[in-house]
Amino acid sequence: MNDDSEWPTDWLRAVLSPAVLRVLADGPTYGYAISARLEAAGFGKVKGGTLYPLLGRLEVADLVRTEWRAGEAGPGRKYYELTPGGKASLAEQAERWTRFVTVTELHLQPTTEEQHD
């Protein structure tokens, strides 16, 4: 793996839900813009076949709501917005993810014996 943006798929799937909710915490936006924000943040290119089913699951779980808006120069776009439950879920997932990262980092550190080998 030569590029940090080429994360293993299972890592990306694990963090994608809170990452998408975090993008939406900045305000309503549409799928392509969500994907672009994730890529700019360092997650790599998130394909529509991964993103849109996730957005659908978040909508079914009442964490996001959708609204169709007319396009300026083309077809309308489906905008996604956090619900109050989505905001609460983001806060909970972010706190739990931070704890998980801490546990993982501690676990992956070499032991004293390994440092001397």
N, C-alpha and C. Protein backbone atom coordinates (compact mmCIF):
# COMPACT_ATOMS: atom_id res chain seq x y z
N MET A 1 0.85 -1.16 0.00
CA MET A 1 0.00 0.00 0.00
C MET A 1 0.90 1.23 0.00
N ASN A 2 0.85 2.02 -1.04
CA ASN A 2 1.72 3.18 -1.19
C ASN A 2 1.08 4.47 -0.70
N ASP A 3 -0.21 4.51 -0.60
CA ASP A 3 -0.92 5.75 -0.31
C ASP A 3 -1.81 5.54 0.92
N ASP A 4 -1.71 6.46 1.89
CA ASP A 4 -2.51 6.34 3.11
C ASP A 4 -4.01 6.37 2.83
N SER A 5 -4.42 6.93 1.69
CA SER A 5 -5.85 7.00 1.40
C SER A 5 -6.40 5.65 0.94
N GLU A 6 -5.55 4.67 0.75
CA GLU A 6 -5.99 3.34 0.34
C GLU A 6 -6.14 2.46 1.57
N TRP A 7 -7.07 2.83 2.42
CA TRP A 7 -7.29 2.09 3.66
C TRP A 7 -7.92 0.73 3.37
N PRO A 8 -7.64 -0.27 4.20
CA PRO A 8 -8.33 -1.55 4.03
C PRO A 8 -9.84 -1.34 4.11
N THR A 9 -10.55 -2.05 3.28
CA THR A 9 -12.00 -1.89 3.18
C THR A 9 -12.70 -2.09 4.51
N ASP A 10 -12.27 -3.08 5.29
CA ASP A 10 -12.95 -3.33 6.56
C ASP A 10 -12.73 -2.18 7.54
N TRP A 11 -11.59 -1.51 7.50
CA TRP A 11 -11.36 -0.34 8.36
C TRP A 11 -12.32 0.78 7.96
N LEU A 12 -12.42 1.01 6.65
CA LEU A 12 -13.27 2.09 6.16
C LEU A 12 -14.74 1.83 6.51
N ARG A 13 -15.18 0.61 6.33
CA ARG A 13 -16.58 0.28 6.67
C ARG A 13 -16.85 0.54 8.15
N ALA A 14 -15.88 0.25 8.99
CA ALA A 14 -16.07 0.42 10.43
C ALA A 14 -16.26 1.87 10.83
N VAL A 15 -15.62 2.79 10.14
CA VAL A 15 -15.65 4.19 10.54
C VAL A 15 -16.54 5.05 9.64
N LEU A 16 -17.06 4.49 8.57
CA LEU A 16 -17.79 5.28 7.59
C LEU A 16 -19.07 5.91 8.15
N SER A 17 -19.82 5.18 8.95
CA SER A 17 -21.06 5.74 9.48
C SER A 17 -20.82 7.00 10.32
N PRO A 18 -19.94 6.95 11.33
CA PRO A 18 -19.71 8.20 12.07
C PRO A 18 -19.04 9.27 11.21
N ALA A 19 -18.24 8.88 10.24
CA ALA A 19 -17.60 9.88 9.37
C ALA A 19 -18.65 10.61 8.53
N VAL A 20 -19.63 9.88 8.01
CA VAL A 20 -20.70 10.50 7.23
C VAL A 20 -21.55 11.39 8.13
N LEU A 21 -21.89 10.90 9.32
CA LEU A 21 -22.66 11.73 10.25
C LEU A 21 -21.90 13.02 10.57
N ARG A 22 -20.58 12.92 10.70
CA ARG A 22 -19.77 14.10 11.00
C ARG A 22 -19.84 15.12 9.87
N VAL A 23 -19.79 14.65 8.62
CA VAL A 23 -19.93 15.56 7.48
C VAL A 23 -21.29 16.27 7.56
N LEU A 24 -22.33 15.50 7.84
CA LEU A 24 -23.68 16.07 7.89
C LEU A 24 -23.88 17.00 9.09
N ALA A 25 -23.04 16.89 10.09
CA ALA A 25 -23.14 17.80 11.24
C ALA A 25 -22.87 19.25 10.82
N ASP A 26 -22.20 19.43 9.70
CA ASP A 26 -21.93 20.78 9.20
C ASP A 26 -23.09 21.35 8.41
N GLY A 27 -24.12 20.56 8.18
CA GLY A 27 -25.30 21.04 7.47
C GLY A 27 -25.71 20.09 6.36
N PRO A 28 -26.93 20.28 5.85
CA PRO A 28 -27.44 19.40 4.80
C PRO A 28 -26.57 19.46 3.54
N THR A 29 -26.40 18.31 2.92
CA THR A 29 -25.65 18.24 1.67
C THR A 29 -26.07 16.99 0.91
N TYR A 30 -25.55 16.83 -0.28
CA TYR A 30 -25.92 15.71 -1.15
C TYR A 30 -24.78 14.69 -1.23
N GLY A 31 -25.09 13.54 -1.78
CA GLY A 31 -24.17 12.40 -1.77
C GLY A 31 -22.80 12.68 -2.34
N TYR A 32 -22.74 13.30 -3.52
CA TYR A 32 -21.43 13.54 -4.15
C TYR A 32 -20.58 14.45 -3.27
N ALA A 33 -21.19 15.45 -2.66
CA ALA A 33 -20.46 16.37 -1.78
C ALA A 33 -19.98 15.65 -0.52
N ILE A 34 -20.77 14.73 -0.02
CA ILE A 34 -20.35 13.93 1.14
C ILE A 34 -19.10 13.12 0.76
N SER A 35 -19.15 12.47 -0.38
CA SER A 35 -18.02 11.67 -0.85
C SER A 35 -16.77 12.55 -1.02
N ALA A 36 -16.94 13.73 -1.58
CA ALA A 36 -15.81 14.63 -1.78
C ALA A 36 -15.22 15.09 -0.45
N ARG A 37 -16.07 15.36 0.52
CA ARG A 37 -15.58 15.77 1.85
C ARG A 37 -14.81 14.64 2.52
N LEU A 38 -15.31 13.42 2.39
CA LEU A 38 -14.62 12.27 2.98
C LEU A 38 -13.26 12.07 2.32
N GLU A 39 -13.21 12.22 1.00
CA GLU A 39 -11.94 12.08 0.30
C GLU A 39 -10.97 13.18 0.74
N ALA A 40 -11.45 14.41 0.85
CA ALA A 40 -10.59 15.52 1.27
C ALA A 40 -10.09 15.32 2.70
N ALA A 41 -10.87 14.63 3.52
CA ALA A 41 -10.49 14.37 4.91
C ALA A 41 -9.46 13.25 5.03
N GLY A 42 -9.20 12.53 3.92
CA GLY A 42 -8.18 11.48 3.96
C GLY A 42 -8.72 10.06 3.96
N PHE A 43 -10.02 9.89 3.78
CA PHE A 43 -10.59 8.55 3.78
C PHE A 43 -10.45 7.85 2.44
N GLY A 44 -10.02 8.57 1.42
CA GLY A 44 -9.95 8.00 0.09
C GLY A 44 -11.27 8.18 -0.62
N LYS A 45 -11.34 7.67 -1.82
CA LYS A 45 -12.55 7.79 -2.64
C LYS A 45 -13.59 6.78 -2.15
N VAL A 46 -14.73 7.28 -1.72
CA VAL A 46 -15.83 6.42 -1.27
C VAL A 46 -16.81 6.30 -2.42
N LYS A 47 -16.95 5.10 -2.92
CA LYS A 47 -17.80 4.86 -4.08
C LYS A 47 -19.28 4.96 -3.72
N GLY A 48 -20.08 5.33 -4.71
CA GLY A 48 -21.52 5.43 -4.52
C GLY A 48 -22.15 4.13 -4.05
N GLY A 49 -21.61 3.01 -4.53
CA GLY A 49 -22.13 1.70 -4.13
C GLY A 49 -21.92 1.39 -2.67
N THR A 50 -21.04 2.14 -2.03
CA THR A 50 -20.83 2.02 -0.58
C THR A 50 -21.58 3.11 0.16
N LEU A 51 -21.52 4.33 -0.36
CA LEU A 51 -22.10 5.48 0.33
C LEU A 51 -23.62 5.48 0.35
N TYR A 52 -24.25 5.27 -0.80
CA TYR A 52 -25.70 5.41 -0.87
C TYR A 52 -26.46 4.35 -0.07
N PRO A 53 -26.02 3.09 -0.07
CA PRO A 53 -26.70 2.15 0.84
C PRO A 53 -26.55 2.54 2.31
N LEU A 54 -25.39 3.08 2.69
CA LEU A 54 -25.20 3.54 4.06
C LEU A 54 -26.16 4.69 4.37
N LEU A 55 -26.26 5.65 3.46
CA LEU A 55 -27.19 6.76 3.67
C LEU A 55 -28.63 6.26 3.80
N GLY A 56 -28.97 5.25 3.02
CA GLY A 56 -30.30 4.64 3.13
C GLY A 56 -30.53 4.01 4.50
N ARG A 57 -29.52 3.31 5.01
CA ARG A 57 -29.63 2.70 6.35
C ARG A 57 -29.74 3.78 7.43
N LEU A 58 -28.99 4.87 7.27
CA LEU A 58 -29.07 5.96 8.25
C LEU A 58 -30.46 6.60 8.22
N GLU A 59 -31.05 6.67 7.03
CA GLU A 59 -32.41 7.23 6.92
C GLU A 59 -33.43 6.30 7.57
N VAL A 60 -33.32 5.01 7.32
CA VAL A 60 -34.25 4.03 7.92
C VAL A 60 -34.13 4.08 9.45
N ALA A 61 -32.92 4.29 9.95
CA ALA A 61 -32.69 4.36 11.40
C ALA A 61 -33.08 5.72 11.98
N ASP A 62 -33.60 6.61 11.15
CA ASP A 62 -34.02 7.95 11.55
C ASP A 62 -32.86 8.79 12.09
N LEU A 63 -31.67 8.57 11.53
CA LEU A 63 -30.51 9.39 11.90
C LEU A 63 -30.31 10.52 10.90
N VAL A 64 -30.85 10.34 9.69
CA VAL A 64 -30.85 11.41 8.69
C VAL A 64 -32.23 11.48 8.06
N ARG A 65 -32.55 12.66 7.55
CA ARG A 65 -33.77 12.82 6.75
C ARG A 65 -33.34 13.35 5.38
N THR A 66 -34.19 13.14 4.41
CA THR A 66 -33.84 13.54 3.05
C THR A 66 -34.84 14.55 2.51
N GLU A 67 -34.36 15.29 1.53
CA GLU A 67 -35.19 16.28 0.85
C GLU A 67 -34.67 16.44 -0.57
N TRP A 68 -35.57 16.39 -1.53
CA TRP A 68 -35.18 16.65 -2.92
C TRP A 68 -35.19 18.15 -3.14
N ARG A 69 -34.12 18.65 -3.75
CA ARG A 69 -34.02 20.07 -4.08
C ARG A 69 -33.74 20.21 -5.57
N ALA A 70 -34.34 21.22 -6.17
CA ALA A 70 -34.15 21.47 -7.59
C ALA A 70 -32.67 21.79 -7.86
N GLY A 71 -32.18 21.30 -8.97
CA GLY A 71 -30.81 21.59 -9.36
C GLY A 71 -30.71 22.94 -10.04
N GLU A 72 -29.56 23.58 -9.92
CA GLU A 72 -29.37 24.89 -10.54
C GLU A 72 -29.23 24.79 -12.05
N ALA A 73 -28.49 23.80 -12.51
CA ALA A 73 -28.26 23.68 -13.94
C ALA A 73 -28.56 22.28 -14.45
N GLY A 74 -29.15 21.47 -13.62
CA GLY A 74 -29.41 20.09 -14.03
C GLY A 74 -30.52 19.49 -13.18
N PRO A 75 -30.51 18.18 -13.06
CA PRO A 75 -31.57 17.53 -12.29
C PRO A 75 -31.46 17.84 -10.80
N GLY A 76 -32.55 17.60 -10.10
CA GLY A 76 -32.57 17.82 -8.66
C GLY A 76 -31.62 16.89 -7.94
N ARG A 77 -31.35 17.24 -6.70
CA ARG A 77 -30.46 16.43 -5.87
C ARG A 77 -31.17 16.07 -4.57
N LYS A 78 -30.81 14.91 -4.08
CA LYS A 78 -31.32 14.45 -2.79
C LYS A 78 -30.35 14.92 -1.72
N TYR A 79 -30.84 15.77 -0.83
CA TYR A 79 -30.03 16.29 0.27
C TYR A 79 -30.29 15.47 1.53
N TYR A 80 -29.24 15.30 2.31
CA TYR A 80 -29.30 14.55 3.55
C TYR A 80 -29.02 15.52 4.70
N GLU A 81 -29.77 15.35 5.79
CA GLU A 81 -29.62 16.23 6.95
C GLU A 81 -29.73 15.39 8.22
N LEU A 82 -28.91 15.72 9.21
CA LEU A 82 -29.00 15.01 10.50
C LEU A 82 -30.32 15.29 11.19
N THR A 83 -30.86 14.28 11.79
CA THR A 83 -32.01 14.45 12.68
C THR A 83 -31.45 14.65 14.10
N PRO A 84 -32.29 15.00 15.06
CA PRO A 84 -31.80 15.06 16.44
C PRO A 84 -31.20 13.72 16.89
N GLY A 85 -31.81 12.62 16.46
CA GLY A 85 -31.25 11.30 16.78
C GLY A 85 -29.90 11.08 16.13
N GLY A 86 -29.72 11.63 14.93
CA GLY A 86 -28.43 11.54 14.24
C GLY A 86 -27.35 12.31 14.97
N LYS A 87 -27.71 13.47 15.50
CA LYS A 87 -26.74 14.27 16.27
C LYS A 87 -26.33 13.52 17.53
N ALA A 88 -27.31 12.92 18.21
CA ALA A 88 -27.00 12.14 19.42
C ALA A 88 -26.16 10.92 19.07
N SER A 89 -26.49 10.26 17.97
CA SER A 89 -25.73 9.08 17.55
C SER A 89 -24.30 9.45 17.20
N LEU A 90 -24.11 10.58 16.53
CA LEU A 90 -22.75 11.03 16.20
C LEU A 90 -21.94 11.25 17.47
N ALA A 91 -22.52 11.91 18.45
CA ALA A 91 -21.80 12.17 19.70
C ALA A 91 -21.41 10.85 20.38
N GLU A 92 -22.35 9.91 20.43
CA GLU A 92 -22.08 8.61 21.06
C GLU A 92 -21.02 7.83 20.28
N GLN A 93 -21.16 7.77 18.96
CA GLN A 93 -20.21 7.01 18.14
C GLN A 93 -18.82 7.63 18.21
N ALA A 94 -18.73 8.96 18.22
CA ALA A 94 -17.43 9.62 18.29
C ALA A 94 -16.75 9.31 19.61
N GLU A 95 -17.50 9.33 20.69
CA GLU A 95 -16.93 9.04 22.02
C GLU A 95 -16.48 7.59 22.09
N ARG A 96 -17.29 6.67 21.59
CA ARG A 96 -16.94 5.25 21.63
C ARG A 96 -15.75 4.97 20.71
N TRP A 97 -15.71 5.61 19.53
CA TRP A 97 -14.60 5.41 18.60
C TRP A 97 -13.29 5.88 19.23
N THR A 98 -13.34 7.02 19.91
CA THR A 98 -12.14 7.54 20.57
C THR A 98 -11.62 6.55 21.61
N ARG A 99 -12.52 5.97 22.38
CA ARG A 99 -12.10 4.96 23.36
C ARG A 99 -11.50 3.74 22.66
N PHE A 100 -12.14 3.31 21.56
CA PHE A 100 -11.67 2.14 20.81
C PHE A 100 -10.27 2.39 20.24
N VAL A 101 -10.05 3.56 19.69
CA VAL A 101 -8.73 3.90 19.15
C VAL A 101 -7.68 3.87 20.25
N THR A 102 -8.01 4.38 21.42
CA THR A 102 -7.08 4.36 22.55
C THR A 102 -6.72 2.94 22.94
N VAL A 103 -7.71 2.09 23.05
CA VAL A 103 -7.47 0.68 23.39
C VAL A 103 -6.61 0.02 22.31
N THR A 104 -6.93 0.27 21.05
CA THR A 104 -6.18 -0.32 19.94
C THR A 104 -4.73 0.14 19.95
N GLU A 105 -4.53 1.45 20.12
CA GLU A 105 -3.16 1.97 20.15
C GLU A 105 -2.35 1.35 21.28
N LEU A 106 -2.94 1.25 22.45
CA LEU A 106 -2.24 0.65 23.58
C LEU A 106 -1.90 -0.82 23.31
N HIS A 107 -2.84 -1.53 22.73
CA HIS A 107 -2.64 -2.95 22.44
C HIS A 107 -1.54 -3.16 21.39
N LEU A 108 -1.45 -2.29 20.42
CA LEU A 108 -0.49 -2.47 19.34
C LEU A 108 0.93 -2.00 19.67
N GLN A 109 1.10 -1.34 20.79
CA GLN A 109 2.44 -0.90 21.19
C GLN A 109 3.28 -2.11 21.54
N PRO A 110 4.55 -2.09 21.17
CA PRO A 110 5.42 -3.22 21.53
C PRO A 110 5.60 -3.31 23.05
N THR A 111 5.71 -4.51 23.52
CA THR A 111 5.97 -4.71 24.94
C THR A 111 7.42 -4.34 25.23
N THR A 112 7.76 -4.23 26.49
CA THR A 112 9.14 -3.90 26.89
C THR A 112 10.10 -4.93 26.32
N GLU A 113 9.73 -6.22 26.37
CA GLU A 113 10.60 -7.27 25.84
C GLU A 113 10.82 -7.11 24.34
N GLU A 114 9.77 -6.76 23.60
CA GLU A 114 9.89 -6.60 22.16
C GLU A 114 10.78 -5.41 21.81
N GLN A 115 10.77 -4.38 22.62
CA GLN A 115 11.58 -3.21 22.36
C GLN A 115 13.08 -3.52 22.47
N HIS A 116 13.42 -4.52 23.28
CA HIS A 116 14.84 -4.86 23.48
C HIS A 116 15.34 -5.91 22.51
N ASP A 117 14.48 -6.51 21.73
CA ASP A 117 14.91 -7.55 20.78
C ASP A 117 15.52 -6.95 19.53
